[in-house]
Structures are given as C-alpha cells and as structure tokens.
Amino acid sequence: MNADNIDALFSEAPLIAILRGVQPEQVVAYGKAIVDSGWRCIEVPLNSPSPLESIRNLYDYFGDSILTGAGTVLSAADVKAVVSAGGKLIVAPNTDASVVTEALAHNAVIMPGFLSATEAFQAYAYGARYLKLFPADAMGPAYIKAIRSVLPADARIIPVGGVTPDNLQAFREAGSAAFGVGSQLFKPGMSVDEVRARAEDFMSACKVR
C-alpha cells in the first residue's frame, strides 16, 4: 500500500487510526481489531514507546494489505527511519519542506499539518496532496468548506482532532477526504474489545449518508 492507491483506500475506509502511546507488544492485537472492523490505515506517533518497533511489528503482520506509518514526524531523518521500519505513511503536525521532500522521494504518503490557508498552500507547493488539518474541532466543518473552495481540486483535507462518529458526516459533507482518529478510538490501557467496538462505530458512521 503506497501513495499510488491511497484514494482507493480512502473510498473503502476513510479512516486513519492514531495509536498514540501503544506498546510494541500490544500493537498487533489492537491493529487486528481495527483492521477487522474495516479500517485500512494505522499510524503510530513517534512520541510513543519504541514507535519504530511497533511500526515494524504492524508491517511484519499486515504487510502491504494496509497502510502503516508514523505520526509526529519532524525531520527527514525521522522519515528515513520510518520507511526503514516498513512504514509508508508519514504524518506531521506541521509543514516542513524537508519532511515532505524526503517522504515523496520514498514514494510514501505524506500528510503535513496545516491550520491556515497559507500553510495549506505551502504544503501543496512542496508536493503534498493530503493535508492534515489540526486541531479540526477548533476550526469546524465550516472552516474546511471554506478552505476546500480555494484549494486545488487534487488537494485532500484530512481533519484530525475531535472527529467522532456523531460529527464525522458534517466534516465529510464539508469536503473532508478522510479522518484521523486518536483518543476517540484508542488510549493506552483500553481493552482490545473496547477499541474494536469504537472502530466499528466509526465504520458505521462512515456508511451513513
């Protein structure tokens, strides 16, 4: 799974699981519960315990059947480390030219963070086509609709932060291509069954039009 077929993946399941704080020995069990619920994209933030080990464990188990990678990617060196661990998804909280360029050089899916229109256009100019809006709940669907109206047609907005099964459709109708979901899906200490139930709730929300 790589940048060449990400739109097809999002048409099937427009959700990115953010497993912040997950332990490497637990990541496959949580990942399986999420993937069994229909999700096809998992991110392990680099400020989690031994994140590269978790990414490697996910890739060794799922291979290219899902898109696996890292969040909180802050440097070109981080990108190289994630790719070496098997990750093909690079998510950043900010827009950094070196991170975008390095990710694209590895044919990875790059999602730099933005808040303002200036940052969104800057990320696009660097070559990114999937733009992470964070924190989405602070801005709301109306903001996405406004930004979407001026961005190039091939730019995709991915809201992260505060997306729930209850508000997902409002974000979608505003023009979101997919959604990053963190604490609404997973927190350290949650049971696998609880994460599975939450993952299923989000999938159900995606199917409501």
C-alpha atoms as a PDB file:
ATOM      1  CA  MET A   1       0.000   0.000   0.000  1.00  0.00           C
ATOM      2  CA  ASN A   2       1.531   3.326  -1.043  1.00  0.00           C
ATOM      3  CA  ALA A   3       0.833   6.766  -2.467  1.00  0.00           C
ATOM      4  CA  ASP A   4      -0.360   5.343  -5.774  1.00  0.00           C
ATOM      5  CA  ASN A   5      -3.579   3.852  -4.402  1.00  0.00           C
ATOM      6  CA  ILE A   6      -4.423   5.969  -1.371  1.00  0.00           C
ATOM      7  CA  ASP A   7      -7.614   7.400  -2.897  1.00  0.00           C
ATOM      8  CA  ALA A   8      -8.942   3.883  -3.479  1.00  0.00           C
ATOM      9  CA  LEU A   9      -8.115   3.023   0.120  1.00  0.00           C
ATOM     10  CA  PHE A  10      -9.974   6.075   1.421  1.00  0.00           C
ATOM     11  CA  SER A  11     -13.011   5.285  -0.730  1.00  0.00           C
ATOM     12  CA  GLU A  12     -13.157   1.929   1.061  1.00  0.00           C
ATOM     13  CA  ALA A  13     -12.434   3.219   4.567  1.00  0.00           C
ATOM     14  CA  PRO A  14     -11.666   6.941   5.033  1.00  0.00           C
ATOM     15  CA  LEU A  15     -10.183   6.470   8.497  1.00  0.00           C
ATOM     16  CA  ILE A  16      -6.675   6.628   9.941  1.00  0.00           C
ATOM     17  CA  ALA A  17      -6.153   5.038  13.348  1.00  0.00           C
ATOM     18  CA  ILE A  18      -3.741   7.004  15.550  1.00  0.00           C
ATOM     19  CA  LEU A  19      -2.317   4.680  18.208  1.00  0.00           C
ATOM     20  CA  ARG A  20      -0.509   7.201  20.386  1.00  0.00           C
ATOM     21  CA  GLY A  21       1.136   5.530  23.363  1.00  0.00           C
ATOM     22  CA  VAL A  22       0.701   1.960  22.149  1.00  0.00           C
ATOM     23  CA  GLN A  23       3.235  -0.623  23.311  1.00  0.00           C
ATOM     24  CA  PRO A  24       5.068  -2.669  20.649  1.00  0.00           C
ATOM     25  CA  GLU A  25       3.995  -5.978  22.183  1.00  0.00           C
ATOM     26  CA  GLN A  26       0.331  -4.929  22.031  1.00  0.00           C
ATOM     27  CA  VAL A  27       0.183  -3.129  18.696  1.00  0.00           C
ATOM     28  CA  VAL A  28      -0.712  -6.118  16.519  1.00  0.00           C
ATOM     29  CA  ALA A  29      -3.641  -7.119  18.745  1.00  0.00           C
ATOM     30  CA  TYR A  30      -5.047  -3.588  18.605  1.00  0.00           C
ATOM     31  CA  GLY A  31      -4.234  -3.346  14.907  1.00  0.00           C
ATOM     32  CA  LYS A  32      -6.051  -6.581  14.135  1.00  0.00           C
ATOM     33  CA  ALA A  33      -9.171  -5.401  15.965  1.00  0.00           C
ATOM     34  CA  ILE A  34      -9.117  -2.168  13.964  1.00  0.00           C
ATOM     35  CA  VAL A  35      -8.425  -3.813  10.604  1.00  0.00           C
ATOM     36  CA  ASP A  36     -11.051  -6.498  11.228  1.00  0.00           C
ATOM     37  CA  SER A  37     -13.517  -3.618  11.660  1.00  0.00           C
ATOM     38  CA  GLY A  38     -12.723  -2.396   8.151  1.00  0.00           C
ATOM     39  CA  TRP A  39     -10.018   0.230   8.708  1.00  0.00           C
ATOM     40  CA  ARG A  40      -7.030   0.142   6.357  1.00  0.00           C
ATOM     41  CA  CYS A  41      -4.679   2.777   7.766  1.00  0.00           C
ATOM     42  CA  ILE A  42      -2.735   2.825  11.058  1.00  0.00           C
ATOM     43  CA  GLU A  43      -0.350   5.472  12.361  1.00  0.00           C
ATOM     44  CA  VAL A  44       1.946   5.156  15.373  1.00  0.00           C
ATOM     45  CA  PRO A  45       3.128   8.604  16.554  1.00  0.00           C
ATOM     46  CA  LEU A  46       6.871   8.812  17.078  1.00  0.00           C
ATOM     47  CA  ASN A  47       6.402  10.036  20.647  1.00  0.00           C
ATOM     48  CA  SER A  48       5.004   6.614  21.563  1.00  0.00           C
ATOM     49  CA  PRO A  49       7.114   3.955  23.336  1.00  0.00           C
ATOM     50  CA  SER A  50       9.507   2.298  20.819  1.00  0.00           C
ATOM     51  CA  PRO A  51       7.424   3.507  17.861  1.00  0.00           C
ATOM     52  CA  LEU A  52       9.663   2.072  15.143  1.00  0.00           C
ATOM     53  CA  GLU A  53       9.354  -1.368  16.711  1.00  0.00           C
ATOM     54  CA  SER A  54       5.561  -1.015  16.671  1.00  0.00           C
ATOM     55  CA  ILE A  55       5.609   0.049  13.017  1.00  0.00           C
ATOM     56  CA  ARG A  56       7.825  -2.915  12.154  1.00  0.00           C
ATOM     57  CA  ASN A  57       5.512  -5.280  14.043  1.00  0.00           C
ATOM     58  CA  LEU A  58       2.498  -3.950  12.139  1.00  0.00           C
ATOM     59  CA  TYR A  59       4.253  -4.244   8.795  1.00  0.00           C
ATOM     60  CA  ASP A  60       5.505  -7.752   9.533  1.00  0.00           C
ATOM     61  CA  TYR A  61       1.959  -8.848  10.384  1.00  0.00           C
ATOM     62  CA  PHE A  62      -0.125  -6.990   7.801  1.00  0.00           C
ATOM     63  CA  GLY A  63       2.404  -6.418   5.028  1.00  0.00           C
ATOM     64  CA  ASP A  64       1.052  -4.248   2.238  1.00  0.00           C
ATOM     65  CA  SER A  65      -2.584  -5.133   2.932  1.00  0.00           C
ATOM     66  CA  ILE A  66      -2.903  -1.884   4.935  1.00  0.00           C
ATOM     67  CA  LEU A  67      -1.123   1.464   5.030  1.00  0.00           C
ATOM     68  CA  THR A  68       1.132   1.682   8.084  1.00  0.00           C
ATOM     69  CA  GLY A  69       3.328   4.519   9.221  1.00  0.00           C
ATOM     70  CA  ALA A  70       4.079   7.206  11.740  1.00  0.00           C
ATOM     71  CA  GLY A  71       2.766  10.456  13.102  1.00  0.00           C
ATOM     72  CA  THR A  72       4.621  13.331  14.770  1.00  0.00           C
ATOM     73  CA  VAL A  73       7.301  13.055  12.081  1.00  0.00           C
ATOM     74  CA  LEU A  74       9.501  16.127  12.452  1.00  0.00           C
ATOM     75  CA  SER A  75      12.597  15.599  10.291  1.00  0.00           C
ATOM     76  CA  ALA A  76      13.945  13.945   7.162  1.00  0.00           C
ATOM     77  CA  ALA A  77      15.842  11.564   9.424  1.00  0.00           C
ATOM     78  CA  ASP A  78      12.538  10.532  11.017  1.00  0.00           C
ATOM     79  CA  VAL A  79      11.132   9.796   7.558  1.00  0.00           C
ATOM     80  CA  LYS A  80      14.090   7.549   6.714  1.00  0.00           C
ATOM     81  CA  ALA A  81      13.721   5.668   9.995  1.00  0.00           C
ATOM     82  CA  VAL A  82      10.007   5.099   9.483  1.00  0.00           C
ATOM     83  CA  VAL A  83      10.482   3.883   5.916  1.00  0.00           C
ATOM     84  CA  SER A  84      13.246   1.531   7.079  1.00  0.00           C
ATOM     85  CA  ALA A  85      10.804   0.063   9.600  1.00  0.00           C
ATOM     86  CA  GLY A  86       8.274  -0.645   6.848  1.00  0.00           C
ATOM     87  CA  GLY A  87       6.165   2.482   7.162  1.00  0.00           C
ATOM     88  CA  LYS A  88       4.686   4.117   4.086  1.00  0.00           C
ATOM     89  CA  LEU A  89       2.588   6.782   5.809  1.00  0.00           C
ATOM     90  CA  ILE A  90       4.245   9.960   7.079  1.00  0.00           C
ATOM     91  CA  VAL A  91       2.094  12.330   9.143  1.00  0.00           C
ATOM     92  CA  ALA A  92       3.458  15.570  10.577  1.00  0.00           C
ATOM     93  CA  PRO A  93       1.972  18.187  12.912  1.00  0.00           C
ATOM     94  CA  ASN A  94       3.490  20.958  10.795  1.00  0.00           C
ATOM     95  CA  THR A  95       4.577  21.714   7.229  1.00  0.00           C
ATOM     96  CA  ASP A  96       8.310  21.175   6.789  1.00  0.00           C
ATOM     97  CA  ALA A  97       9.769  21.097   3.274  1.00  0.00           C
ATOM     98  CA  SER A  98      12.466  18.560   4.151  1.00  0.00           C
ATOM     99  CA  VAL A  99       9.928  16.104   5.583  1.00  0.00           C
ATOM    100  CA  VAL A 100       7.658  16.398   2.544  1.00  0.00           C
ATOM    101  CA  THR A 101      10.546  16.059   0.089  1.00  0.00           C
ATOM    102  CA  GLU A 102      12.039  13.028   1.851  1.00  0.00           C
ATOM    103  CA  ALA A 103       8.674  11.275   2.045  1.00  0.00           C
ATOM    104  CA  LEU A 104       7.963  11.843  -1.631  1.00  0.00           C
ATOM    105  CA  ALA A 105      11.436  10.565  -2.519  1.00  0.00           C
ATOM    106  CA  HIS A 106      10.460   7.259  -0.877  1.00  0.00           C
ATOM    107  CA  ASN A 107       7.012   7.199  -2.549  1.00  0.00           C
ATOM    108  CA  ALA A 108       5.437   7.417   0.895  1.00  0.00           C
ATOM    109  CA  VAL A 109       2.075   9.029   1.625  1.00  0.00           C
ATOM    110  CA  ILE A 110       2.847  12.392   3.199  1.00  0.00           C
ATOM    111  CA  MET A 111       0.323  14.338   5.295  1.00  0.00           C
ATOM    112  CA  PRO A 112       1.823  17.575   6.610  1.00  0.00           C
ATOM    113  CA  GLY A 113      -0.125  19.549   9.168  1.00  0.00           C
ATOM    114  CA  PHE A 114      -1.717  22.907   8.477  1.00  0.00           C
ATOM    115  CA  LEU A 115      -4.048  25.366  10.155  1.00  0.00           C
ATOM    116  CA  SER A 116      -4.095  28.413   7.908  1.00  0.00           C
ATOM    117  CA  ALA A 117      -4.711  28.745   4.179  1.00  0.00           C
ATOM    118  CA  THR A 118      -1.118  29.939   3.830  1.00  0.00           C
ATOM    119  CA  GLU A 119       0.185  26.710   5.381  1.00  0.00           C
ATOM    120  CA  ALA A 120      -2.123  24.587   3.227  1.00  0.00           C
ATOM    121  CA  PHE A 121      -0.908  26.216   0.020  1.00  0.00           C
ATOM    122  CA  GLN A 122       2.680  25.977   1.195  1.00  0.00           C
ATOM    123  CA  ALA A 123       2.325  22.234   1.813  1.00  0.00           C
ATOM    124  CA  TYR A 124       0.740  21.836  -1.609  1.00  0.00           C
ATOM    125  CA  ALA A 125       3.594  23.761  -3.241  1.00  0.00           C
ATOM    126  CA  TYR A 126       6.095  21.400  -1.604  1.00  0.00           C
ATOM    127  CA  GLY A 127       4.306  18.498  -3.296  1.00  0.00           C
ATOM    128  CA  ALA A 128       1.906  17.245  -0.618  1.00  0.00           C
ATOM    129  CA  ARG A 129      -1.609  16.393  -1.760  1.00  0.00           C
ATOM    130  CA  TYR A 130      -3.002  15.099   1.545  1.00  0.00           C
ATOM    131  CA  LEU A 131      -3.201  17.911   4.078  1.00  0.00           C
ATOM    132  CA  LYS A 132      -3.821  17.299   7.772  1.00  0.00           C
ATOM    133  CA  LEU A 133      -5.969  19.938   9.466  1.00  0.00           C
ATOM    134  CA  PHE A 134      -5.194  20.006  13.172  1.00  0.00           C
ATOM    135  CA  PRO A 135      -6.881  20.649  15.505  1.00  0.00           C
ATOM    136  CA  ALA A 136     -10.013  20.091  13.441  1.00  0.00           C
ATOM    137  CA  ASP A 137     -12.505  20.512  16.266  1.00  0.00           C
ATOM    138  CA  ALA A 138     -11.195  24.008  16.971  1.00  0.00           C
ATOM    139  CA  MET A 139     -11.934  25.050  13.375  1.00  0.00           C
ATOM    140  CA  GLY A 140     -15.036  23.040  12.476  1.00  0.00           C
ATOM    141  CA  PRO A 141     -16.634  21.867   9.205  1.00  0.00           C
ATOM    142  CA  ALA A 142     -17.375  25.417   8.004  1.00  0.00           C
ATOM    143  CA  TYR A 143     -13.658  26.170   8.003  1.00  0.00           C
ATOM    144  CA  ILE A 144     -12.935  23.068   5.930  1.00  0.00           C
ATOM    145  CA  LYS A 145     -15.614  24.063   3.439  1.00  0.00           C
ATOM    146  CA  ALA A 146     -14.064  27.498   3.062  1.00  0.00           C
ATOM    147  CA  ILE A 147     -10.505  26.170   2.645  1.00  0.00           C
ATOM    148  CA  ARG A 148     -11.701  23.463   0.286  1.00  0.00           C
ATOM    149  CA  SER A 149     -13.258  26.102  -2.001  1.00  0.00           C
ATOM    150  CA  VAL A 150      -9.881  27.722  -2.745  1.00  0.00           C
ATOM    151  CA  LEU A 151      -7.504  24.748  -2.733  1.00  0.00           C
ATOM    152  CA  PRO A 152      -6.631  22.933  -5.989  1.00  0.00           C
ATOM    153  CA  ALA A 153      -9.026  20.124  -6.855  1.00  0.00           C
ATOM    154  CA  ASP A 154      -6.468  17.385  -6.202  1.00  0.00           C
ATOM    155  CA  ALA A 155      -5.734  18.548  -2.645  1.00  0.00           C
ATOM    156  CA  ARG A 156      -7.288  16.364   0.050  1.00  0.00           C
ATOM    157  CA  ILE A 157      -8.111  17.617   3.550  1.00  0.00           C
ATOM    158  CA  ILE A 158      -7.740  15.176   6.450  1.00  0.00           C
ATOM    159  CA  PRO A 159      -9.188  16.589   9.697  1.00  0.00           C
ATOM    160  CA  VAL A 160      -7.584  15.304  12.890  1.00  0.00           C
ATOM    161  CA  GLY A 161      -8.566  16.108  16.449  1.00  0.00           C
ATOM    162  CA  GLY A 162     -12.092  15.861  17.800  1.00  0.00           C
ATOM    163  CA  VAL A 163     -13.641  13.798  14.999  1.00  0.00           C
ATOM    164  CA  THR A 164     -16.334  11.488  16.411  1.00  0.00           C
ATOM    165  CA  PRO A 165     -18.955   9.159  14.947  1.00  0.00           C
ATOM    166  CA  ASP A 166     -21.515  11.896  15.668  1.00  0.00           C
ATOM    167  CA  ASN A 167     -19.795  14.725  13.781  1.00  0.00           C
ATOM    168  CA  LEU A 168     -17.976  12.742  11.080  1.00  0.00           C
ATOM    169  CA  GLN A 169     -20.667  13.286   8.454  1.00  0.00           C
ATOM    170  CA  ALA A 170     -20.614  17.056   8.974  1.00  0.00           C
ATOM    171  CA  PHE A 171     -16.868  17.064   8.341  1.00  0.00           C
ATOM    172  CA  ARG A 172     -17.352  14.819   5.323  1.00  0.00           C
ATOM    173  CA  GLU A 173     -20.053  16.997   3.783  1.00  0.00           C
ATOM    174  CA  ALA A 174     -17.726  19.980   4.184  1.00  0.00           C
ATOM    175  CA  GLY A 175     -15.233  18.301   1.846  1.00  0.00           C
ATOM    176  CA  SER A 176     -13.006  16.090   4.001  1.00  0.00           C
ATOM    177  CA  ALA A 177     -11.391  13.151   2.215  1.00  0.00           C
ATOM    178  CA  ALA A 178     -10.617  11.076   5.316  1.00  0.00           C
ATOM    179  CA  PHE A 179     -10.291  11.395   9.083  1.00  0.00           C
ATOM    180  CA  GLY A 180      -7.505  10.839  11.587  1.00  0.00           C
ATOM    181  CA  VAL A 181      -8.849   9.406  14.843  1.00  0.00           C
ATOM    182  CA  GLY A 182      -6.800   9.247  18.023  1.00  0.00           C
ATOM    183  CA  SER A 183      -8.182   9.268  21.554  1.00  0.00           C
ATOM    184  CA  GLN A 184     -11.750   8.738  20.334  1.00  0.00           C
ATOM    185  CA  LEU A 185     -10.519   5.311  19.169  1.00  0.00           C
ATOM    186  CA  PHE A 186      -7.562   4.340  21.340  1.00  0.00           C
ATOM    187  CA  LYS A 187      -5.956   5.274  24.625  1.00  0.00           C
ATOM    188  CA  PRO A 188      -3.305   3.242  26.460  1.00  0.00           C
ATOM    189  CA  GLY A 189      -4.998   0.854  28.840  1.00  0.00           C
ATOM    190  CA  MET A 190      -8.116   0.309  26.741  1.00  0.00           C
ATOM    191  CA  SER A 191      -9.066  -3.305  26.107  1.00  0.00           C
ATOM    192  CA  VAL A 192      -8.860  -4.719  22.599  1.00  0.00           C
ATOM    193  CA  ASP A 193     -12.627  -5.275  22.671  1.00  0.00           C
ATOM    194  CA  GLU A 194     -13.267  -1.628  23.542  1.00  0.00           C
ATOM    195  CA  VAL A 195     -11.071  -0.461  20.679  1.00  0.00           C
ATOM    196  CA  ARG A 196     -12.829  -2.865  18.321  1.00  0.00           C
ATOM    197  CA  ALA A 197     -16.240  -1.523  19.360  1.00  0.00           C
ATOM    198  CA  ARG A 198     -15.126   2.061  18.798  1.00  0.00           C
ATOM    199  CA  ALA A 199     -13.620   1.155  15.436  1.00  0.00           C
ATOM    200  CA  GLU A 200     -16.903  -0.425  14.385  1.00  0.00           C
ATOM    201  CA  ASP A 201     -18.835   2.667  15.476  1.00  0.00           C
ATOM    202  CA  PHE A 202     -16.681   4.852  13.226  1.00  0.00           C
ATOM    203  CA  MET A 203     -17.089   2.484  10.287  1.00  0.00           C
ATOM    204  CA  SER A 204     -20.845   2.562  10.762  1.00  0.00           C
ATOM    205  CA  ALA A 205     -20.768   6.367  10.787  1.00  0.00           C
ATOM    206  CA  CYS A 206     -18.822   6.345   7.503  1.00  0.00           C
ATOM    207  CA  LYS A 207     -21.555   4.305   5.837  1.00  0.00           C
ATOM    208  CA  VAL A 208     -24.329   6.732   6.759  1.00  0.00           C
ATOM    209  CA  ARG A 209     -25.006   9.249   4.009  1.00  0.00           C
END
